[in-house]
Amino acid sequence: MPSALSDASFVARRARVWPWLLVSLAVILADQFTKWLVRQDLPLDSSHPVTGFFNLVYIHNPGAAFSFLAAAPGWQRWFFTALSLAASLFILWLMFRNRGKALFSLALAFILGGALGNVIDRVLWGKVTDFLDFYLTLGGQQWHWPAFNLADSAIFVGALLLIVDEFRRARQRRS
């Protein structure tokens, strides 16, 4: 009679990666579609209030998160593209290696989809389209979070899921 450990190992070996790749594809498609809508419907550098804490904007970011290296003379486009592609290959390797771990794989799928969504922008346009602008108004002054997009959101959600997954694993190891 097989042990529980060997049953779990068998399930992990038989688990499929393609559902997680479909999640990544869905993230890429949603990201590219929303960026296309923004590029079609809003003038560059425009801002359209939606609520008292959120605007739709259309800006280009030639840098990375928080416009890191945005003022660099152009090399950052290929640097961030190569970095994202290398990270994507590593994520794929992790997905295949850990296919029986659903939450971990879902987290990786979100990160992979987000990374490739922004790679597409860098390759096609040389910069990333950002359009989500959240802000806080206090005492008549506004503090804006840097604008971002769905790909960035997917990367963030994936990172949060990785943290949740690690807490779950640590709790399981203790019990």
C-alpha atoms as a PDB file:
ATOM      1  CA  MET A   1       0.000   0.000   0.000  1.00  0.00           C
ATOM      2  CA  PRO A   2       1.504   3.391  -1.019  1.00  0.00           C
ATOM      3  CA  SER A   3       2.277   5.897   1.700  1.00  0.00           C
ATOM      4  CA  ALA A   4       0.735   9.373   1.887  1.00  0.00           C
ATOM      5  CA  LEU A   5       4.098  10.849   0.935  1.00  0.00           C
ATOM      6  CA  SER A   6       4.364   8.835  -2.248  1.00  0.00           C
ATOM      7  CA  ASP A   7       0.717   9.676  -3.119  1.00  0.00           C
ATOM      8  CA  ALA A   8       1.486  13.379  -2.766  1.00  0.00           C
ATOM      9  CA  SER A   9       4.610  12.931  -4.866  1.00  0.00           C
ATOM     10  CA  PHE A  10       2.585  11.134  -7.538  1.00  0.00           C
ATOM     11  CA  VAL A  11      -0.010  13.941  -7.610  1.00  0.00           C
ATOM     12  CA  ALA A  12       2.738  16.572  -7.890  1.00  0.00           C
ATOM     13  CA  ARG A  13       4.335  14.724 -10.823  1.00  0.00           C
ATOM     14  CA  ARG A  14       0.993  14.323 -12.613  1.00  0.00           C
ATOM     15  CA  ALA A  15      -0.198  17.891 -12.006  1.00  0.00           C
ATOM     16  CA  ARG A  16      -0.404  20.006 -15.088  1.00  0.00           C
ATOM     17  CA  VAL A  17       1.223  23.352 -15.723  1.00  0.00           C
ATOM     18  CA  TRP A  18      -1.060  24.444 -18.558  1.00  0.00           C
ATOM     19  CA  PRO A  19      -3.874  25.767 -16.287  1.00  0.00           C
ATOM     20  CA  TRP A  20      -1.359  28.159 -14.731  1.00  0.00           C
ATOM     21  CA  LEU A  21      -0.075  29.145 -18.157  1.00  0.00           C
ATOM     22  CA  LEU A  22      -3.685  29.924 -19.121  1.00  0.00           C
ATOM     23  CA  VAL A  23      -3.926  32.203 -16.076  1.00  0.00           C
ATOM     24  CA  SER A  24      -0.764  33.960 -17.271  1.00  0.00           C
ATOM     25  CA  LEU A  25      -2.220  34.272 -20.759  1.00  0.00           C
ATOM     26  CA  ALA A  26      -5.448  35.734 -19.342  1.00  0.00           C
ATOM     27  CA  VAL A  27      -3.406  38.323 -17.420  1.00  0.00           C
ATOM     28  CA  ILE A  28      -1.453  39.227 -20.569  1.00  0.00           C
ATOM     29  CA  LEU A  29      -4.616  39.542 -22.668  1.00  0.00           C
ATOM     30  CA  ALA A  30      -6.460  41.634 -20.058  1.00  0.00           C
ATOM     31  CA  ASP A  31      -3.401  43.846 -19.593  1.00  0.00           C
ATOM     32  CA  GLN A  32      -2.856  44.406 -23.308  1.00  0.00           C
ATOM     33  CA  PHE A  33      -6.570  44.980 -23.951  1.00  0.00           C
ATOM     34  CA  THR A  34      -6.868  47.618 -21.214  1.00  0.00           C
ATOM     35  CA  LYS A  35      -3.700  49.349 -22.408  1.00  0.00           C
ATOM     36  CA  TRP A  36      -5.070  49.320 -25.962  1.00  0.00           C
ATOM     37  CA  LEU A  37      -8.324  50.900 -24.742  1.00  0.00           C
ATOM     38  CA  VAL A  38      -6.400  53.619 -22.931  1.00  0.00           C
ATOM     39  CA  ARG A  39      -4.209  54.333 -25.975  1.00  0.00           C
ATOM     40  CA  GLN A  40      -7.329  54.523 -28.178  1.00  0.00           C
ATOM     41  CA  ASP A  41      -9.543  56.634 -25.920  1.00  0.00           C
ATOM     42  CA  LEU A  42      -7.298  58.975 -23.942  1.00  0.00           C
ATOM     43  CA  PRO A  43      -4.803  61.582 -25.089  1.00  0.00           C
ATOM     44  CA  LEU A  44      -1.251  61.013 -23.860  1.00  0.00           C
ATOM     45  CA  ASP A  45      -0.572  62.676 -20.486  1.00  0.00           C
ATOM     46  CA  SER A  46      -4.283  63.157 -19.828  1.00  0.00           C
ATOM     47  CA  SER A  47      -6.152  62.576 -16.587  1.00  0.00           C
ATOM     48  CA  HIS A  48      -9.865  61.820 -16.179  1.00  0.00           C
ATOM     49  CA  PRO A  49     -11.333  61.820 -12.658  1.00  0.00           C
ATOM     50  CA  VAL A  50     -13.430  58.752 -11.851  1.00  0.00           C
ATOM     51  CA  THR A  51     -13.880  59.056  -8.069  1.00  0.00           C
ATOM     52  CA  GLY A  52     -12.526  61.231  -5.281  1.00  0.00           C
ATOM     53  CA  PHE A  53      -9.489  58.952  -5.028  1.00  0.00           C
ATOM     54  CA  PHE A  54      -8.994  57.519  -8.526  1.00  0.00           C
ATOM     55  CA  ASN A  55      -8.245  58.872 -12.006  1.00  0.00           C
ATOM     56  CA  LEU A  56      -7.797  57.186 -15.337  1.00  0.00           C
ATOM     57  CA  VAL A  57      -4.630  58.567 -16.872  1.00  0.00           C
ATOM     58  CA  TYR A  58      -2.524  57.822 -19.902  1.00  0.00           C
ATOM     59  CA  ILE A  59       1.188  58.069 -19.359  1.00  0.00           C
ATOM     60  CA  HIS A  60       4.272  56.327 -20.673  1.00  0.00           C
ATOM     61  CA  ASN A  61       6.876  54.947 -18.296  1.00  0.00           C
ATOM     62  CA  PRO A  62      10.223  54.183 -19.948  1.00  0.00           C
ATOM     63  CA  GLY A  63      11.595  53.001 -16.589  1.00  0.00           C
ATOM     64  CA  ALA A  64      10.535  50.344 -14.121  1.00  0.00           C
ATOM     65  CA  ALA A  65       8.449  50.489 -10.940  1.00  0.00           C
ATOM     66  CA  PHE A  66       8.047  54.017  -9.582  1.00  0.00           C
ATOM     67  CA  SER A  67       9.699  55.277 -12.806  1.00  0.00           C
ATOM     68  CA  PHE A  68      13.039  53.849 -11.728  1.00  0.00           C
ATOM     69  CA  LEU A  69      15.612  54.746 -14.416  1.00  0.00           C
ATOM     70  CA  ALA A  70      12.953  56.522 -16.501  1.00  0.00           C
ATOM     71  CA  ALA A  71      15.395  59.334 -17.299  1.00  0.00           C
ATOM     72  CA  ALA A  72      18.092  56.960 -18.581  1.00  0.00           C
ATOM     73  CA  PRO A  73      18.973  57.471 -22.268  1.00  0.00           C
ATOM     74  CA  GLY A  74      17.265  54.317 -23.592  1.00  0.00           C
ATOM     75  CA  TRP A  75      19.379  51.355 -22.536  1.00  0.00           C
ATOM     76  CA  GLN A  76      16.894  50.627 -19.737  1.00  0.00           C
ATOM     77  CA  ARG A  77      14.337  49.426 -22.310  1.00  0.00           C
ATOM     78  CA  TRP A  78      16.476  46.422 -23.218  1.00  0.00           C
ATOM     79  CA  PHE A  79      17.825  45.950 -19.714  1.00  0.00           C
ATOM     80  CA  PHE A  80      14.321  45.632 -18.225  1.00  0.00           C
ATOM     81  CA  THR A  81      13.184  43.488 -21.164  1.00  0.00           C
ATOM     82  CA  ALA A  82      16.099  41.075 -20.671  1.00  0.00           C
ATOM     83  CA  LEU A  83      15.612  41.061 -16.900  1.00  0.00           C
ATOM     84  CA  SER A  84      11.894  40.308 -17.279  1.00  0.00           C
ATOM     85  CA  LEU A  85      12.522  37.543 -19.798  1.00  0.00           C
ATOM     86  CA  ALA A  86      15.154  35.958 -17.538  1.00  0.00           C
ATOM     87  CA  ALA A  87      12.764  36.173 -14.591  1.00  0.00           C
ATOM     88  CA  SER A  88      10.020  34.642 -16.755  1.00  0.00           C
ATOM     89  CA  LEU A  89      12.223  31.674 -17.612  1.00  0.00           C
ATOM     90  CA  PHE A  90      13.008  31.192 -13.933  1.00  0.00           C
ATOM     91  CA  ILE A  91       9.289  31.397 -13.100  1.00  0.00           C
ATOM     92  CA  LEU A  92       8.515  28.761 -15.742  1.00  0.00           C
ATOM     93  CA  TRP A  93      11.179  26.503 -14.252  1.00  0.00           C
ATOM     94  CA  LEU A  94       9.633  27.008 -10.785  1.00  0.00           C
ATOM     95  CA  MET A  95       6.165  26.253 -12.167  1.00  0.00           C
ATOM     96  CA  PHE A  96       7.277  22.944 -13.649  1.00  0.00           C
ATOM     97  CA  ARG A  97       9.193  22.051 -10.527  1.00  0.00           C
ATOM     98  CA  ASN A  98       6.307  22.857  -8.157  1.00  0.00           C
ATOM     99  CA  ARG A  99       3.285  21.962 -10.253  1.00  0.00           C
ATOM    100  CA  GLY A 100       1.431  20.234  -7.401  1.00  0.00           C
ATOM    101  CA  LYS A 101       1.396  23.410  -5.286  1.00  0.00           C
ATOM    102  CA  ALA A 102      -1.715  25.291  -6.387  1.00  0.00           C
ATOM    103  CA  LEU A 103      -1.346  28.582  -4.504  1.00  0.00           C
ATOM    104  CA  PHE A 104       2.352  28.822  -5.314  1.00  0.00           C
ATOM    105  CA  SER A 105       1.638  28.114  -8.993  1.00  0.00           C
ATOM    106  CA  LEU A 106      -1.192  30.650  -9.095  1.00  0.00           C
ATOM    107  CA  ALA A 107       1.119  33.281  -7.616  1.00  0.00           C
ATOM    108  CA  LEU A 108       3.762  32.507 -10.223  1.00  0.00           C
ATOM    109  CA  ALA A 109       1.132  32.624 -12.987  1.00  0.00           C
ATOM    110  CA  PHE A 110       0.122  36.162 -11.997  1.00  0.00           C
ATOM    111  CA  ILE A 111       3.737  37.312 -11.826  1.00  0.00           C
ATOM    112  CA  LEU A 112       4.582  35.686 -15.163  1.00  0.00           C
ATOM    113  CA  GLY A 113       1.567  37.236 -16.905  1.00  0.00           C
ATOM    114  CA  GLY A 114       2.361  40.662 -15.474  1.00  0.00           C
ATOM    115  CA  ALA A 115       6.031  40.496 -16.391  1.00  0.00           C
ATOM    116  CA  LEU A 116       5.286  39.443 -19.969  1.00  0.00           C
ATOM    117  CA  GLY A 117       2.510  42.036 -20.309  1.00  0.00           C
ATOM    118  CA  ASN A 118       5.035  44.774 -19.596  1.00  0.00           C
ATOM    119  CA  VAL A 119       7.669  43.114 -21.810  1.00  0.00           C
ATOM    120  CA  ILE A 120       5.256  43.355 -24.733  1.00  0.00           C
ATOM    121  CA  ASP A 121       4.956  47.105 -24.146  1.00  0.00           C
ATOM    122  CA  ARG A 122       8.720  47.562 -23.917  1.00  0.00           C
ATOM    123  CA  VAL A 123       9.355  45.615 -27.119  1.00  0.00           C
ATOM    124  CA  LEU A 124       6.535  47.254 -29.123  1.00  0.00           C
ATOM    125  CA  TRP A 125       6.605  50.814 -27.799  1.00  0.00           C
ATOM    126  CA  GLY A 126       9.870  51.218 -25.877  1.00  0.00           C
ATOM    127  CA  LYS A 127       7.925  52.118 -22.743  1.00  0.00           C
ATOM    128  CA  VAL A 128       5.096  50.811 -20.588  1.00  0.00           C
ATOM    129  CA  THR A 129       1.588  52.265 -20.696  1.00  0.00           C
ATOM    130  CA  ASP A 130       0.291  53.141 -17.221  1.00  0.00           C
ATOM    131  CA  PHE A 131      -3.260  54.311 -16.554  1.00  0.00           C
ATOM    132  CA  LEU A 132      -4.402  53.629 -12.983  1.00  0.00           C
ATOM    133  CA  ASP A 133      -3.892  56.651 -10.726  1.00  0.00           C
ATOM    134  CA  PHE A 134      -4.922  56.361  -7.066  1.00  0.00           C
ATOM    135  CA  TYR A 135      -4.518  59.272  -4.693  1.00  0.00           C
ATOM    136  CA  LEU A 136      -5.393  60.603  -1.270  1.00  0.00           C
ATOM    137  CA  THR A 137      -6.674  64.117  -0.616  1.00  0.00           C
ATOM    138  CA  LEU A 138      -6.023  65.590   2.821  1.00  0.00           C
ATOM    139  CA  GLY A 139      -6.305  69.245   3.746  1.00  0.00           C
ATOM    140  CA  GLY A 140      -6.725  70.247   0.115  1.00  0.00           C
ATOM    141  CA  GLN A 141      -3.486  68.531  -0.914  1.00  0.00           C
ATOM    142  CA  GLN A 142      -3.285  65.384  -3.053  1.00  0.00           C
ATOM    143  CA  TRP A 143      -0.778  62.576  -2.699  1.00  0.00           C
ATOM    144  CA  HIS A 144      -0.672  60.321  -5.743  1.00  0.00           C
ATOM    145  CA  TRP A 145       0.596  56.768  -5.865  1.00  0.00           C
ATOM    146  CA  PRO A 146       2.659  56.350  -9.047  1.00  0.00           C
ATOM    147  CA  ALA A 147       0.404  55.339 -11.949  1.00  0.00           C
ATOM    148  CA  PHE A 148       0.410  51.653 -12.822  1.00  0.00           C
ATOM    149  CA  ASN A 149      -1.397  49.106 -15.010  1.00  0.00           C
ATOM    150  CA  LEU A 150      -2.981  45.638 -14.816  1.00  0.00           C
ATOM    151  CA  ALA A 151       0.357  43.902 -15.369  1.00  0.00           C
ATOM    152  CA  ASP A 152       1.807  45.710 -12.364  1.00  0.00           C
ATOM    153  CA  SER A 153      -1.294  44.772 -10.353  1.00  0.00           C
ATOM    154  CA  ALA A 154      -0.912  41.111 -11.305  1.00  0.00           C
ATOM    155  CA  ILE A 155       2.731  41.138 -10.207  1.00  0.00           C
ATOM    156  CA  PHE A 156       1.695  42.680  -6.880  1.00  0.00           C
ATOM    157  CA  VAL A 157      -1.120  40.154  -6.335  1.00  0.00           C
ATOM    158  CA  GLY A 158       1.271  37.323  -7.240  1.00  0.00           C
ATOM    159  CA  ALA A 159       3.808  38.587  -4.718  1.00  0.00           C
ATOM    160  CA  LEU A 160       1.117  38.740  -2.024  1.00  0.00           C
ATOM    161  CA  LEU A 161       0.052  35.188  -2.858  1.00  0.00           C
ATOM    162  CA  LEU A 162       3.670  34.030  -2.545  1.00  0.00           C
ATOM    163  CA  ILE A 163       3.792  35.536   0.952  1.00  0.00           C
ATOM    164  CA  VAL A 164       0.485  33.878   1.919  1.00  0.00           C
ATOM    165  CA  ASP A 165       1.736  30.570   0.519  1.00  0.00           C
ATOM    166  CA  GLU A 166       4.955  30.784   2.516  1.00  0.00           C
ATOM    167  CA  PHE A 167       3.047  31.548   5.737  1.00  0.00           C
ATOM    168  CA  ARG A 168       0.819  28.524   5.067  1.00  0.00           C
ATOM    169  CA  ARG A 169       3.827  26.283   4.462  1.00  0.00           C
ATOM    170  CA  ALA A 170       5.606  27.558   7.578  1.00  0.00           C
ATOM    171  CA  ARG A 171       2.516  26.854   9.677  1.00  0.00           C
ATOM    172  CA  GLN A 172       2.277  23.339   8.193  1.00  0.00           C
ATOM    173  CA  ARG A 173       5.950  22.671   8.984  1.00  0.00           C
ATOM    174  CA  ARG A 174       5.402  23.699  12.618  1.00  0.00           C
ATOM    175  CA  SER A 175       2.442  21.385  13.097  1.00  0.00           C
END
